[in-house]
Each structure stands twice: as structure tokens, then as C-alpha cells.
C-alpha atoms as a PDB file:
ATOM      1  CA  MET A   1      -4.432  21.272  72.937  1.00  0.00           C
ATOM      2  CA  LEU A   2      -4.526  18.803  70.164  1.00  0.00           C
ATOM      3  CA  ALA A   3      -6.122  16.061  72.299  1.00  0.00           C
ATOM      4  CA  ALA A   4      -8.919  18.411  73.357  1.00  0.00           C
ATOM      5  CA  THR A   5      -9.615  19.486  69.686  1.00  0.00           C
ATOM      6  CA  SER A   6      -9.637  15.950  68.529  1.00  0.00           C
ATOM      7  CA  ALA A   7     -12.223  14.935  71.603  1.00  0.00           C
ATOM      8  CA  PHE A   8     -14.441  17.582  70.260  1.00  0.00           C
ATOM      9  CA  ALA A   9     -14.478  16.618  66.779  1.00  0.00           C
ATOM     10  CA  ALA A  10     -15.421  12.982  67.815  1.00  0.00           C
ATOM     11  CA  ASP A  11     -18.518  11.593  66.227  1.00  0.00           C
ATOM     12  CA  PRO A  12     -21.703  11.398  68.621  1.00  0.00           C
ATOM     13  CA  PRO A  13     -22.198   7.921  70.104  1.00  0.00           C
ATOM     14  CA  ALA A  14     -24.119   5.565  67.956  1.00  0.00           C
ATOM     15  CA  ALA A  15     -27.767   5.483  68.995  1.00  0.00           C
ATOM     16  CA  ASP A  16     -28.813   2.607  71.335  1.00  0.00           C
ATOM     17  CA  PRO A  17     -30.268  -0.216  69.425  1.00  0.00           C
ATOM     18  CA  ASP A  18     -32.479  -1.323  72.385  1.00  0.00           C
ATOM     19  CA  LEU A  19     -34.203   2.048  71.656  1.00  0.00           C
ATOM     20  CA  ALA A  20     -34.019   1.973  67.845  1.00  0.00           C
ATOM     21  CA  SER A  21     -38.278   1.594  67.601  1.00  0.00           C
ATOM     22  CA  PHE A  22     -38.862   4.297  70.063  1.00  0.00           C
ATOM     23  CA  ARG A  23     -35.902   6.482  68.135  1.00  0.00           C
ATOM     24  CA  GLN A  24     -37.404   6.098  64.948  1.00  0.00           C
ATOM     25  CA  SER A  25     -40.928   7.131  65.967  1.00  0.00           C
ATOM     26  CA  TYR A  26     -39.593  10.101  68.001  1.00  0.00           C
ATOM     27  CA  THR A  27     -37.160  11.640  65.389  1.00  0.00           C
ATOM     28  CA  THR A  28     -39.896  11.455  62.532  1.00  0.00           C
ATOM     29  CA  GLY A  29     -42.735  13.337  61.574  1.00  0.00           C
ATOM     30  CA  ASN A  30     -43.312  17.176  62.502  1.00  0.00           C
ATOM     31  CA  GLY A  31     -45.482  19.152  64.986  1.00  0.00           C
ATOM     32  CA  LEU A  32     -46.326  18.424  68.658  1.00  0.00           C
ATOM     33  CA  ALA A  33     -46.492  14.478  69.358  1.00  0.00           C
ATOM     34  CA  TYR A  34     -47.345  12.779  72.731  1.00  0.00           C
ATOM     35  CA  VAL A  35     -45.276  10.142  74.630  1.00  0.00           C
ATOM     36  CA  VAL A  36     -47.062   7.586  76.980  1.00  0.00           C
ATOM     37  CA  VAL A  37     -45.683   5.575  79.287  1.00  0.00           C
ATOM     38  CA  LYS A  38     -47.465   3.227  81.398  1.00  0.00           C
ATOM     39  CA  ASP A  39     -46.297   2.099  84.737  1.00  0.00           C
ATOM     40  CA  ASP A  40     -47.615   0.838  87.959  1.00  0.00           C
ATOM     41  CA  LYS A  41     -48.920   3.967  89.074  1.00  0.00           C
ATOM     42  CA  GLY A  42     -51.038   4.613  85.700  1.00  0.00           C
ATOM     43  CA  GLU A  43     -50.383   6.423  82.545  1.00  0.00           C
ATOM     44  CA  ASN A  44     -47.928   9.388  82.160  1.00  0.00           C
ATOM     45  CA  ILE A  45     -48.345  11.711  79.206  1.00  0.00           C
ATOM     46  CA  TYR A  46     -45.537  13.809  77.685  1.00  0.00           C
ATOM     47  CA  ARG A  47     -45.503  15.982  74.938  1.00  0.00           C
ATOM     48  CA  TYR A  48     -42.740  17.258  72.587  1.00  0.00           C
ATOM     49  CA  GLY A  49     -42.210  19.242  69.338  1.00  0.00           C
ATOM     50  CA  ASP A  50     -39.971  20.044  66.456  1.00  0.00           C
ATOM     51  CA  ALA A  51     -37.104  21.394  68.515  1.00  0.00           C
ATOM     52  CA  SER A  52     -36.997  18.213  70.723  1.00  0.00           C
ATOM     53  CA  ARG A  53     -37.413  16.023  67.417  1.00  0.00           C
ATOM     54  CA  GLN A  54     -34.077  18.165  65.750  1.00  0.00           C
ATOM     55  CA  ALA A  55     -32.202  17.905  68.824  1.00  0.00           C
ATOM     56  CA  ALA A  56     -32.392  14.188  69.085  1.00  0.00           C
ATOM     57  CA  GLN A  57     -31.533  13.672  65.460  1.00  0.00           C
ATOM     58  CA  LYS A  58     -28.301  15.518  66.110  1.00  0.00           C
ATOM     59  CA  ASP A  59     -27.502  13.643  69.303  1.00  0.00           C
ATOM     60  CA  THR A  60     -27.969  10.215  70.385  1.00  0.00           C
ATOM     61  CA  ARG A  61     -27.616  10.547  74.187  1.00  0.00           C
ATOM     62  CA  GLY A  62     -31.069  11.652  75.058  1.00  0.00           C
ATOM     63  CA  TYR A  63     -34.517  12.591  74.837  1.00  0.00           C
ATOM     64  CA  MET A  64     -36.406  16.005  76.038  1.00  0.00           C
ATOM     65  CA  LEU A  65     -40.145  15.458  76.879  1.00  0.00           C
ATOM     66  CA  PHE A  66     -42.454  17.996  78.612  1.00  0.00           C
ATOM     67  CA  THR A  67     -45.041  17.797  81.143  1.00  0.00           C
ATOM     68  CA  CYS A  68     -47.389  20.580  81.483  1.00  0.00           C
ATOM     69  CA  ASN A  69     -45.049  23.109  83.638  1.00  0.00           C
ATOM     70  CA  SER A  70     -41.541  21.338  83.138  1.00  0.00           C
ATOM     71  CA  PRO A  71     -39.338  19.613  81.099  1.00  0.00           C
ATOM     72  CA  HIS A  72     -37.774  16.124  81.402  1.00  0.00           C
ATOM     73  CA  VAL A  73     -34.508  14.904  79.663  1.00  0.00           C
ATOM     74  CA  PHE A  74     -34.288  11.232  79.439  1.00  0.00           C
ATOM     75  CA  VAL A  75     -30.863  10.316  79.283  1.00  0.00           C
ATOM     76  CA  VAL A  76     -30.152   6.711  77.411  1.00  0.00           C
ATOM     77  CA  GLN A  77     -26.947   6.096  79.512  1.00  0.00           C
ATOM     78  CA  ASN A  78     -29.217   6.578  82.709  1.00  0.00           C
ATOM     79  CA  ALA A  79     -30.700   3.009  83.421  1.00  0.00           C
ATOM     80  CA  PRO A  80     -34.097   4.194  84.872  1.00  0.00           C
ATOM     81  CA  ASP A  81     -34.556   6.681  82.170  1.00  0.00           C
ATOM     82  CA  LYS A  82     -33.831   4.073  79.572  1.00  0.00           C
ATOM     83  CA  ALA A  83     -36.188   1.686  81.262  1.00  0.00           C
ATOM     84  CA  THR A  84     -38.825   4.427  80.770  1.00  0.00           C
ATOM     85  CA  LEU A  85     -38.100   4.777  76.909  1.00  0.00           C
ATOM     86  CA  LEU A  86     -38.220   1.138  76.390  1.00  0.00           C
ATOM     87  CA  LYS A  87     -42.027   1.211  77.705  1.00  0.00           C
ATOM     88  CA  ALA A  88     -42.684   4.434  76.090  1.00  0.00           C
ATOM     89  CA  ARG A  89     -44.955   4.731  73.124  1.00  0.00           C
ATOM     90  CA  VAL A  90     -45.101   7.723  70.700  1.00  0.00           C
ATOM     91  CA  VAL A  91     -48.652   9.250  69.310  1.00  0.00           C
ATOM     92  CA  LYS A  92     -48.412  11.739  66.584  1.00  0.00           C
ATOM     93  CA  ALA A  93     -51.055  13.930  65.060  1.00  0.00           C
ATOM     94  CA  GLY A  94     -53.759  12.145  62.999  1.00  0.00           C
ATOM     95  CA  GLU A  95     -53.388   8.836  64.891  1.00  0.00           C
ATOM     96  CA  PRO A  96     -56.509   7.448  66.412  1.00  0.00           C
ATOM     97  CA  GLU A  97     -55.367   8.408  70.270  1.00  0.00           C
ATOM     98  CA  PHE A  98     -53.789  11.824  69.516  1.00  0.00           C
ATOM     99  CA  ALA A  99     -57.025  13.932  70.444  1.00  0.00           C
ATOM    100  CA  ASP A 100     -57.841  11.665  73.621  1.00  0.00           C
ATOM    101  CA  LEU A 101     -54.109  12.245  74.868  1.00  0.00           C
ATOM    102  CA  ASP A 102     -54.415  15.939  73.796  1.00  0.00           C
ATOM    103  CA  THR A 103     -57.755  16.518  76.206  1.00  0.00           C
ATOM    104  CA  LYS A 104     -55.876  14.430  79.170  1.00  0.00           C
ATOM    105  CA  TYR A 105     -52.886  16.717  78.791  1.00  0.00           C
ATOM    106  CA  ILE A 106     -54.581  19.789  78.813  1.00  0.00           C
ATOM    107  CA  ALA A 107     -57.125  18.641  81.418  1.00  0.00           C
ATOM    108  CA  GLY A 108     -54.269  17.940  83.776  1.00  0.00           C
ATOM    109  CA  CYS A 109     -52.591  21.181  83.160  1.00  0.00           C
ATOM    110  CA  LYS A 110     -53.098  24.560  84.856  1.00  0.00           C
ATOM    111  CA  ASN A 111     -50.741  26.377  82.813  1.00  0.00           C
ATOM    112  CA  PRO A 112     -52.794  28.962  80.889  1.00  0.00           C
ATOM    113  CA  PHE A 113     -50.004  29.080  78.198  1.00  0.00           C
ATOM    114  CA  VAL A 114     -49.971  25.451  77.293  1.00  0.00           C
ATOM    115  CA  LYS A 115     -52.702  24.967  74.304  1.00  0.00           C
ATOM    116  CA  SER A 116     -54.275  22.243  72.576  1.00  0.00           C
ATOM    117  CA  ALA A 117     -52.027  20.528  69.842  1.00  0.00           C
ATOM    118  CA  VAL A 118     -55.496  19.483  68.082  1.00  0.00           C
ATOM    119  CA  PRO A 119     -55.848  21.872  65.017  1.00  0.00           C
ATOM    120  CA  LYS A 120     -59.207  23.756  65.231  1.00  0.00           C
ATOM    121  CA  LYS A 121     -61.348  23.192  62.373  1.00  0.00           C
END
């Protein structure tokens, strides 16, 4: 039983140094943010918020991103997920692209519960 207890008490794994820039951007700030990943098929737009940000601050093993209808967990130890994260770019509220990404995200979403992240004036 002692071995099991010490395993649970172990420190979480260190953050992957290859993803340091992405992690820094992902885990800072507040409110909704977008993650853009360009690939040979075009541009994938994900969104995440404070709950995902806080989880990533506590656990270095993965990142939770959302499309309109579903969550996607990107696990750092999974090679395809890591490759995706290495190409990813975080865009936060107040940055020039934010409103445009928000418009694209909402336009491609048929879920009536998903609302714009741009504050109404």
C-alpha cells in the first residue's frame, strides 16, 4: 500500500520543453481564447476558457480544446497531438485576429448554445 501512496504523491511530469511557447500562451490570461491550427486541409479553429486553462496549469500532460459541439483532449505524449500543438497558435481577446476568429467559429457552429466571445458594446 505504501508504494501506491507514494505513486499518487509523485510530482506531475515536467512540461514538455518543445511546447513551452504554446504552454505559456495557453495558460496565461483569462476568458475565452482561440487556438488556430493550420494544416494541409486549411485552418482548424478551437476555443477554450478558464476551466481548461486552470487544468493545464495543474497538469502538464494535455490541453482541452473545443470545437462547436465537442471537446478535444490533446495529449502531449501522443505524437500526432504534440505535432498539432507545435503548429498551434493562441489568440486572446484584444488581439487583432480575435473578432475574425470568433466570427468564423460561430458561423461554422449550428449549436444555439454557443455564443460569441466578443463582448457586446
